[in-house]
Amino acid sequence: MAKKRTIVLINQPTPGAMEPLAVLRDFLATVGRHNIAGDGSGPTGLGVVPGMMLLFGPGCIFEVPGDGEPATEVMQAMVSVTDEDFAWPVLSRLCKEQNWKMMDPDSGRMFG
């Protein structure tokens, strides 16, 4: 069984300057175009864990801090890659389209 990989999505247009990925409503619309969405559980449809929203996509699970308030800024998203063959093309396309970066939290290496 392959190792589960964790990456963090961030918006860093210039080194050292982190900006929000988007407000939650726009973030959900953006990732939704890539078949990434909540499972419908909980009061907002984004999971039942207080303070954490869970989104599921092809070969990956997104963990986004927040309570589901549409105007909340999404600063980063932690992505657990469960199947690299499905997840990498989707994540690469998403990052290229939005000019986001993927960061490996173990090494600090940025890519995408």
N, C-alpha and C. Protein backbone atom coordinates (compact mmCIF):
# COMPACT_ATOMS: atom_id res chain seq x y z
N MET A 1 0.84 -1.18 0.00
CA MET A 1 0.00 0.00 0.00
C MET A 1 0.89 1.25 0.00
N ALA A 2 0.57 2.19 -0.83
CA ALA A 2 1.35 3.41 -0.95
C ALA A 2 1.16 4.29 0.27
N LYS A 3 2.17 5.07 0.58
CA LYS A 3 2.12 6.01 1.69
C LYS A 3 1.14 7.14 1.38
N LYS A 4 0.33 7.51 2.36
CA LYS A 4 -0.57 8.64 2.19
C LYS A 4 0.26 9.91 2.29
N ARG A 5 0.16 10.76 1.31
CA ARG A 5 0.94 12.00 1.25
C ARG A 5 0.06 13.17 1.65
N THR A 6 0.66 14.11 2.36
CA THR A 6 -0.05 15.32 2.76
C THR A 6 0.62 16.52 2.11
N ILE A 7 -0.20 17.40 1.54
CA ILE A 7 0.31 18.64 0.98
C ILE A 7 -0.58 19.78 1.47
N VAL A 8 -0.07 20.99 1.39
CA VAL A 8 -0.82 22.16 1.79
C VAL A 8 -0.94 23.08 0.58
N LEU A 9 -2.16 23.49 0.25
CA LEU A 9 -2.39 24.45 -0.83
C LEU A 9 -2.30 25.86 -0.26
N ILE A 10 -1.50 26.70 -0.90
CA ILE A 10 -1.36 28.08 -0.46
C ILE A 10 -1.33 29.01 -1.67
N ASN A 11 -1.57 30.27 -1.40
CA ASN A 11 -1.48 31.30 -2.43
C ASN A 11 -0.34 32.22 -2.02
N GLN A 12 0.79 32.08 -2.68
CA GLN A 12 1.97 32.87 -2.35
C GLN A 12 2.50 33.50 -3.63
N PRO A 13 1.90 34.62 -4.05
CA PRO A 13 2.30 35.24 -5.31
C PRO A 13 3.75 35.74 -5.30
N THR A 14 4.23 36.17 -4.15
CA THR A 14 5.63 36.56 -4.00
C THR A 14 6.18 35.89 -2.76
N PRO A 15 7.46 35.53 -2.76
CA PRO A 15 8.04 34.85 -1.60
C PRO A 15 7.83 35.65 -0.32
N GLY A 16 7.35 34.96 0.72
CA GLY A 16 7.14 35.59 2.01
C GLY A 16 5.82 36.30 2.18
N ALA A 17 5.02 36.42 1.12
CA ALA A 17 3.74 37.12 1.21
C ALA A 17 2.61 36.15 0.91
N MET A 18 1.97 35.64 1.96
CA MET A 18 0.88 34.70 1.77
C MET A 18 -0.44 35.45 1.70
N GLU A 19 -1.26 35.12 0.72
CA GLU A 19 -2.58 35.72 0.54
C GLU A 19 -3.63 34.62 0.63
N PRO A 20 -4.89 35.00 0.89
CA PRO A 20 -5.95 33.99 0.94
C PRO A 20 -6.11 33.29 -0.41
N LEU A 21 -6.50 32.02 -0.36
CA LEU A 21 -6.84 31.31 -1.59
C LEU A 21 -8.08 31.95 -2.20
N ALA A 22 -9.06 32.25 -1.36
CA ALA A 22 -10.32 32.88 -1.78
C ALA A 22 -11.22 32.98 -0.56
N VAL A 23 -12.36 33.64 -0.69
CA VAL A 23 -13.37 33.52 0.36
C VAL A 23 -14.04 32.17 0.16
N LEU A 24 -14.63 31.64 1.21
CA LEU A 24 -15.12 30.26 1.18
C LEU A 24 -16.08 30.00 0.02
N ARG A 25 -17.02 30.90 -0.22
CA ARG A 25 -18.00 30.63 -1.30
C ARG A 25 -17.29 30.48 -2.65
N ASP A 26 -16.28 31.32 -2.91
CA ASP A 26 -15.53 31.24 -4.17
C ASP A 26 -14.62 30.02 -4.19
N PHE A 27 -14.03 29.69 -3.05
CA PHE A 27 -13.17 28.51 -2.95
C PHE A 27 -13.97 27.25 -3.27
N LEU A 28 -15.17 27.14 -2.68
CA LEU A 28 -16.01 25.97 -2.93
C LEU A 28 -16.43 25.88 -4.40
N ALA A 29 -16.71 27.01 -5.01
CA ALA A 29 -17.07 27.02 -6.43
C ALA A 29 -15.88 26.60 -7.29
N THR A 30 -14.71 27.09 -6.94
CA THR A 30 -13.50 26.76 -7.71
C THR A 30 -13.17 25.28 -7.63
N VAL A 31 -13.11 24.74 -6.41
CA VAL A 31 -12.76 23.32 -6.29
C VAL A 31 -13.90 22.44 -6.78
N GLY A 32 -15.13 22.95 -6.70
CA GLY A 32 -16.28 22.19 -7.20
C GLY A 32 -16.19 21.91 -8.69
N ARG A 33 -15.59 22.83 -9.43
CA ARG A 33 -15.40 22.60 -10.88
C ARG A 33 -14.42 21.46 -11.15
N HIS A 34 -13.70 21.03 -10.11
CA HIS A 34 -12.73 19.94 -10.24
C HIS A 34 -13.21 18.69 -9.50
N ASN A 35 -14.53 18.60 -9.27
CA ASN A 35 -15.17 17.45 -8.64
C ASN A 35 -14.72 17.27 -7.19
N ILE A 36 -14.57 18.38 -6.46
CA ILE A 36 -14.20 18.35 -5.05
C ILE A 36 -15.31 19.06 -4.29
N ALA A 37 -15.93 18.35 -3.33
CA ALA A 37 -17.06 18.93 -2.60
C ALA A 37 -17.25 18.22 -1.28
N GLY A 38 -18.08 18.80 -0.42
CA GLY A 38 -18.43 18.17 0.84
C GLY A 38 -19.32 16.96 0.60
N ASP A 39 -19.44 16.12 1.63
CA ASP A 39 -20.24 14.91 1.48
C ASP A 39 -21.71 15.12 1.88
N GLY A 40 -22.06 16.33 2.27
CA GLY A 40 -23.45 16.63 2.63
C GLY A 40 -23.77 16.42 4.10
N SER A 41 -22.80 15.98 4.89
CA SER A 41 -23.06 15.75 6.31
C SER A 41 -22.90 17.05 7.10
N GLY A 42 -23.50 17.08 8.26
CA GLY A 42 -23.40 18.25 9.12
C GLY A 42 -24.34 19.37 8.69
N PRO A 43 -24.40 20.43 9.49
CA PRO A 43 -25.34 21.51 9.21
C PRO A 43 -25.06 22.29 7.93
N THR A 44 -23.80 22.36 7.50
CA THR A 44 -23.47 23.10 6.28
C THR A 44 -23.19 22.18 5.10
N GLY A 45 -23.22 20.87 5.34
CA GLY A 45 -22.91 19.91 4.28
C GLY A 45 -21.42 19.71 4.08
N LEU A 46 -20.62 20.26 5.02
CA LEU A 46 -19.16 20.19 4.89
C LEU A 46 -18.53 19.41 6.03
N GLY A 47 -19.25 18.44 6.58
CA GLY A 47 -18.72 17.60 7.63
C GLY A 47 -19.25 17.95 9.00
N VAL A 48 -18.90 17.11 9.98
CA VAL A 48 -19.43 17.26 11.33
C VAL A 48 -18.36 17.65 12.36
N VAL A 49 -17.12 17.84 11.94
CA VAL A 49 -16.04 18.21 12.85
C VAL A 49 -16.11 19.72 13.10
N PRO A 50 -16.29 20.15 14.36
CA PRO A 50 -16.37 21.58 14.64
C PRO A 50 -15.08 22.32 14.22
N GLY A 51 -15.24 23.42 13.50
CA GLY A 51 -14.10 24.23 13.09
C GLY A 51 -13.31 23.69 11.91
N MET A 52 -13.79 22.61 11.29
CA MET A 52 -13.07 22.01 10.16
C MET A 52 -14.08 21.57 9.11
N MET A 53 -13.82 21.94 7.87
CA MET A 53 -14.68 21.52 6.77
C MET A 53 -13.93 20.43 5.99
N LEU A 54 -14.63 19.38 5.62
CA LEU A 54 -14.03 18.29 4.86
C LEU A 54 -14.63 18.26 3.46
N LEU A 55 -13.75 18.21 2.47
CA LEU A 55 -14.15 18.11 1.07
C LEU A 55 -13.49 16.88 0.49
N PHE A 56 -14.21 16.19 -0.37
CA PHE A 56 -13.70 14.96 -0.96
C PHE A 56 -13.59 15.12 -2.47
N GLY A 57 -12.50 14.64 -3.03
CA GLY A 57 -12.28 14.73 -4.46
C GLY A 57 -11.64 13.47 -4.98
N PRO A 58 -11.29 13.44 -6.24
CA PRO A 58 -10.67 12.26 -6.83
C PRO A 58 -9.32 11.98 -6.18
N GLY A 59 -9.25 10.93 -5.38
CA GLY A 59 -8.01 10.51 -4.75
C GLY A 59 -7.49 11.43 -3.67
N CYS A 60 -8.34 12.30 -3.12
CA CYS A 60 -7.85 13.22 -2.09
C CYS A 60 -8.97 13.69 -1.17
N ILE A 61 -8.56 14.15 0.01
CA ILE A 61 -9.47 14.73 0.99
C ILE A 61 -8.90 16.07 1.41
N PHE A 62 -9.71 17.12 1.30
CA PHE A 62 -9.32 18.47 1.69
C PHE A 62 -9.81 18.73 3.11
N GLU A 63 -8.96 19.31 3.94
CA GLU A 63 -9.35 19.79 5.26
C GLU A 63 -9.15 21.30 5.25
N VAL A 64 -10.24 22.02 5.46
CA VAL A 64 -10.21 23.48 5.41
C VAL A 64 -10.69 24.02 6.75
N PRO A 65 -9.89 24.83 7.44
CA PRO A 65 -10.35 25.38 8.71
C PRO A 65 -11.50 26.36 8.51
N GLY A 66 -12.44 26.35 9.43
CA GLY A 66 -13.56 27.28 9.35
C GLY A 66 -14.86 26.63 9.77
N ASP A 67 -15.89 27.44 9.82
CA ASP A 67 -17.20 26.97 10.28
C ASP A 67 -18.26 26.96 9.19
N GLY A 68 -17.86 27.22 7.95
CA GLY A 68 -18.81 27.19 6.84
C GLY A 68 -19.41 28.54 6.49
N GLU A 69 -18.96 29.61 7.15
CA GLU A 69 -19.45 30.96 6.86
C GLU A 69 -18.94 31.35 5.46
N PRO A 70 -19.84 31.67 4.50
CA PRO A 70 -19.45 31.91 3.11
C PRO A 70 -18.43 33.02 2.89
N ALA A 71 -18.39 34.03 3.76
CA ALA A 71 -17.48 35.16 3.54
C ALA A 71 -16.11 34.97 4.22
N THR A 72 -15.89 33.84 4.90
CA THR A 72 -14.63 33.57 5.57
C THR A 72 -13.51 33.39 4.54
N GLU A 73 -12.36 34.00 4.81
CA GLU A 73 -11.21 33.83 3.91
C GLU A 73 -10.57 32.46 4.17
N VAL A 74 -10.30 31.74 3.10
CA VAL A 74 -9.60 30.47 3.18
C VAL A 74 -8.12 30.77 2.92
N MET A 75 -7.30 30.64 3.96
CA MET A 75 -5.88 30.97 3.84
C MET A 75 -5.08 29.79 3.29
N GLN A 76 -5.48 28.57 3.65
CA GLN A 76 -4.79 27.39 3.16
C GLN A 76 -5.71 26.19 3.30
N ALA A 77 -5.35 25.12 2.62
CA ALA A 77 -6.11 23.88 2.70
C ALA A 77 -5.12 22.73 2.79
N MET A 78 -5.33 21.84 3.74
CA MET A 78 -4.49 20.66 3.84
C MET A 78 -5.14 19.55 3.01
N VAL A 79 -4.35 18.92 2.17
CA VAL A 79 -4.87 17.89 1.27
C VAL A 79 -4.17 16.57 1.57
N SER A 80 -4.95 15.56 1.89
CA SER A 80 -4.42 14.21 2.07
C SER A 80 -4.63 13.47 0.76
N VAL A 81 -3.54 13.08 0.13
CA VAL A 81 -3.61 12.37 -1.15
C VAL A 81 -3.70 10.87 -0.84
N THR A 82 -4.82 10.27 -1.21
CA THR A 82 -5.03 8.85 -0.94
C THR A 82 -4.78 7.98 -2.18
N ASP A 83 -4.86 8.57 -3.36
CA ASP A 83 -4.58 7.85 -4.60
C ASP A 83 -3.92 8.83 -5.57
N GLU A 84 -2.59 8.72 -5.69
CA GLU A 84 -1.82 9.68 -6.49
C GLU A 84 -2.22 9.69 -7.96
N ASP A 85 -2.56 8.54 -8.51
CA ASP A 85 -2.91 8.48 -9.93
C ASP A 85 -4.14 9.34 -10.26
N PHE A 86 -5.08 9.43 -9.33
CA PHE A 86 -6.26 10.26 -9.55
C PHE A 86 -6.05 11.70 -9.09
N ALA A 87 -5.38 11.88 -7.96
CA ALA A 87 -5.29 13.20 -7.34
C ALA A 87 -4.35 14.16 -8.05
N TRP A 88 -3.16 13.72 -8.46
CA TRP A 88 -2.16 14.65 -9.00
C TRP A 88 -2.62 15.42 -10.23
N PRO A 89 -3.25 14.77 -11.21
CA PRO A 89 -3.72 15.57 -12.35
C PRO A 89 -4.73 16.65 -11.94
N VAL A 90 -5.62 16.32 -11.01
CA VAL A 90 -6.63 17.27 -10.56
C VAL A 90 -5.97 18.41 -9.79
N LEU A 91 -5.09 18.09 -8.85
CA LEU A 91 -4.42 19.12 -8.05
C LEU A 91 -3.52 19.99 -8.92
N SER A 92 -2.81 19.39 -9.85
CA SER A 92 -1.94 20.17 -10.74
C SER A 92 -2.74 21.14 -11.59
N ARG A 93 -3.84 20.67 -12.14
CA ARG A 93 -4.70 21.53 -12.97
C ARG A 93 -5.30 22.65 -12.14
N LEU A 94 -5.75 22.33 -10.93
CA LEU A 94 -6.33 23.33 -10.02
C LEU A 94 -5.31 24.41 -9.68
N CYS A 95 -4.09 24.00 -9.34
CA CYS A 95 -3.06 24.98 -8.98
C CYS A 95 -2.64 25.82 -10.18
N LYS A 96 -2.54 25.21 -11.33
CA LYS A 96 -2.16 25.97 -12.53
C LYS A 96 -3.24 27.00 -12.88
N GLU A 97 -4.50 26.58 -12.80
CA GLU A 97 -5.62 27.45 -13.12
C GLU A 97 -5.71 28.65 -12.16
N GLN A 98 -5.47 28.41 -10.87
CA GLN A 98 -5.65 29.44 -9.84
C GLN A 98 -4.35 30.13 -9.43
N ASN A 99 -3.23 29.67 -9.97
CA ASN A 99 -1.92 30.20 -9.60
C ASN A 99 -1.63 29.97 -8.11
N TRP A 100 -2.05 28.80 -7.61
CA TRP A 100 -1.77 28.39 -6.24
C TRP A 100 -0.53 27.53 -6.24
N LYS A 101 0.02 27.29 -5.07
CA LYS A 101 1.19 26.44 -4.90
C LYS A 101 0.84 25.29 -3.97
N MET A 102 1.52 24.17 -4.18
CA MET A 102 1.43 23.04 -3.27
C MET A 102 2.73 23.03 -2.47
N MET A 103 2.61 22.83 -1.16
CA MET A 103 3.79 22.77 -0.32
C MET A 103 3.82 21.42 0.40
N ASP A 104 4.97 20.78 0.37
CA ASP A 104 5.17 19.55 1.13
C ASP A 104 5.54 19.98 2.55
N PRO A 105 4.68 19.72 3.55
CA PRO A 105 4.98 20.19 4.90
C PRO A 105 6.18 19.48 5.53
N ASP A 106 6.54 18.31 5.03
CA ASP A 106 7.70 17.60 5.58
C ASP A 106 9.02 18.22 5.16
N SER A 107 9.09 18.65 3.89
CA SER A 107 10.34 19.19 3.39
C SER A 107 10.32 20.72 3.20
N GLY A 108 9.11 21.29 3.14
CA GLY A 108 8.98 22.72 2.87
C GLY A 108 9.09 23.06 1.38
N ARG A 109 9.25 22.04 0.56
CA ARG A 109 9.39 22.23 -0.89
C ARG A 109 8.07 22.68 -1.50
N MET A 110 8.17 23.69 -2.38
CA MET A 110 6.99 24.24 -3.07
C MET A 110 6.98 23.75 -4.50
N PHE A 111 5.80 23.44 -5.00
CA PHE A 111 5.65 23.04 -6.40
C PHE A 111 4.23 23.32 -6.83
N GLY A 112 3.97 23.15 -8.12
CA GLY A 112 2.62 23.35 -8.65
C GLY A 112 2.49 24.56 -9.52
